[in-house]
Protein backbone atom coordinates (compact mmCIF):
# COMPACT_ATOMS: atom_id res chain seq x y z
CA UNK A 1 -21.31 9.11 -8.63
CA UNK A 2 -17.56 9.55 -8.57
CA UNK A 3 -15.42 10.59 -11.61
CA UNK A 4 -14.37 7.02 -12.44
CA UNK A 5 -17.98 5.83 -12.56
CA UNK A 6 -18.91 8.77 -14.69
CA UNK A 7 -16.06 8.01 -17.18
CA UNK A 8 -17.01 4.25 -17.30
CA UNK A 9 -20.63 5.27 -18.07
CA UNK A 10 -19.55 7.62 -20.94
CA UNK A 11 -17.21 4.85 -22.31
CA UNK A 12 -20.01 2.33 -22.29
CA UNK A 13 -22.34 4.72 -24.08
CA UNK A 14 -19.74 5.44 -26.77
CA UNK A 15 -19.10 1.74 -27.33
CA UNK A 16 -22.81 1.00 -27.58
CA UNK A 17 -23.45 3.91 -29.94
CA UNK A 18 -20.55 2.51 -32.24
CA UNK A 19 -22.21 -0.92 -32.12
CA UNK A 20 -19.32 -2.77 -30.39
CA UNK A 21 -20.14 -6.29 -29.37
CA UNK A 22 -21.19 -7.12 -25.82
CA UNK A 23 -17.94 -8.98 -25.20
CA UNK A 24 -15.80 -6.13 -26.45
CA UNK A 25 -17.66 -3.67 -24.27
CA UNK A 26 -17.22 -5.90 -21.31
CA UNK A 27 -13.47 -6.35 -22.02
CA UNK A 28 -12.84 -2.66 -22.64
CA UNK A 29 -14.68 -1.69 -19.46
CA UNK A 30 -12.73 -4.19 -17.45
CA UNK A 31 -9.41 -3.00 -18.87
CA UNK A 32 -10.22 0.68 -18.35
CA UNK A 33 -11.31 0.07 -14.74
CA UNK A 34 -7.90 -1.54 -14.15
CA UNK A 35 -6.18 1.40 -15.80
CA UNK A 36 -8.16 3.98 -13.80
CA UNK A 37 -7.40 2.14 -10.60
CA UNK A 38 -3.75 2.22 -11.46
CA UNK A 39 -3.78 5.89 -12.51
CA UNK A 40 -6.02 6.96 -9.50
CA UNK A 41 -6.78 10.42 -10.79
CA UNK A 42 -6.74 12.86 -13.73
CA UNK A 43 -8.14 10.16 -16.04
CA UNK A 44 -8.72 12.66 -18.87
CA UNK A 45 -5.10 13.74 -19.03
CA UNK A 46 -3.09 11.63 -21.52
CA UNK A 47 0.27 10.52 -20.16
CA UNK A 48 2.06 8.01 -22.41
CA UNK A 49 4.60 7.21 -19.70
CA UNK A 50 1.78 6.35 -17.36
CA UNK A 51 0.30 4.05 -19.91
CA UNK A 52 3.68 2.34 -20.44
CA UNK A 53 3.98 1.91 -16.60
CA UNK A 54 0.50 0.41 -16.44
CA UNK A 55 1.19 -2.07 -19.20
CA UNK A 56 4.59 -3.07 -17.57
CA UNK A 57 2.77 -3.40 -14.25
CA UNK A 58 0.23 -5.75 -15.99
CA UNK A 59 3.10 -7.75 -17.45
CA UNK A 60 4.80 -8.06 -14.07
CA UNK A 61 1.50 -9.40 -12.65
CA UNK A 62 1.18 -12.11 -15.28
CA UNK A 63 -1.06 -10.49 -17.95
CA UNK A 64 -0.52 -12.08 -21.32
CA UNK A 65 0.57 -10.08 -24.41
CA UNK A 66 -2.99 -10.41 -25.71
CA UNK A 67 -4.51 -8.93 -22.53
CA UNK A 68 -2.06 -6.08 -22.50
CA UNK A 69 -2.89 -5.35 -26.16
CA UNK A 70 -6.59 -5.46 -25.35
CA UNK A 71 -5.95 -2.97 -22.48
CA UNK A 72 -3.98 -0.73 -24.82
CA UNK A 73 -6.77 -0.78 -27.42
CA UNK A 74 -9.27 0.18 -24.70
CA UNK A 75 -7.02 3.04 -23.54
CA UNK A 76 -6.63 4.26 -27.10
CA UNK A 77 -10.36 4.17 -27.66
CA UNK A 78 -10.96 6.14 -24.41
CA UNK A 79 -8.60 8.98 -25.27
CA UNK A 80 -9.46 9.08 -28.98
CA UNK A 81 -13.24 8.64 -28.83
CA UNK A 82 -14.37 9.66 -25.41
CA UNK A 83 -11.89 12.33 -24.25
CA UNK A 84 -11.39 13.48 -27.91
CA UNK A 85 -7.62 13.78 -27.75
CA UNK A 86 -6.11 13.38 -31.23
CA UNK A 87 -2.55 12.75 -30.06
CA UNK A 88 -1.40 9.38 -31.32
CA UNK A 89 -0.36 6.77 -28.72
CA UNK A 90 2.47 4.91 -30.27
CA UNK A 91 2.98 1.83 -28.10
CA UNK A 92 3.30 -1.56 -29.92
CA UNK A 93 5.64 -3.34 -27.52
CA UNK A 94 2.89 -5.70 -26.18
CA UNK A 95 2.29 -7.08 -29.67
CA UNK A 96 5.87 -8.24 -30.18
CA UNK A 97 5.81 -10.98 -27.51
CA UNK A 98 2.83 -12.72 -29.10
CA UNK A 99 4.12 -12.69 -32.73
CA UNK A 100 5.85 -15.91 -32.98
CA UNK A 101 6.27 -18.24 -35.99
CA UNK A 102 5.72 -21.84 -34.83
CA UNK A 103 8.69 -24.17 -35.46
CA UNK A 104 8.25 -27.53 -37.09
CA UNK A 105 8.56 -29.44 -33.74
CA UNK A 106 5.72 -27.46 -32.20
CA UNK A 107 3.58 -28.04 -35.26
CA UNK A 108 4.29 -31.75 -35.12
CA UNK A 109 3.46 -32.02 -31.42
CA UNK A 110 0.22 -30.06 -32.04
CA UNK A 111 -0.95 -32.68 -34.54
CA UNK A 112 0.07 -31.04 -37.74
CA UNK A 113 2.91 -33.52 -38.64
CA UNK A 114 1.23 -34.51 -41.89
CA UNK A 115 1.03 -30.85 -42.95
CA UNK A 116 4.68 -30.06 -42.24
CA UNK A 117 6.94 -30.72 -45.17
CA UNK A 118 10.67 -31.42 -44.72
């Protein structure tokens, strides 16, 4: 068993112990496998610049803001709850692109015209 598989097994155990849902476990494992493949080695060493580069790589490859945010949540869980590093990872940039207030026209075309007041 290589180091990546060992890490994935530990992560899955922690998620199950904390009673995360099956879908969350599946999503976190997928995101962390992608991150580990990008990082290639030294998974246990926290490097915020590496995390930023990974999320930018995901964006360039078409990952949505929600997907990047999910990956970031999985990475934060890994370092906080599996590796036990208390350093805060302050990266919110993936959230900004999905926070959008719908305009009246988009609400009307989505079938909410009777709910939109002039």
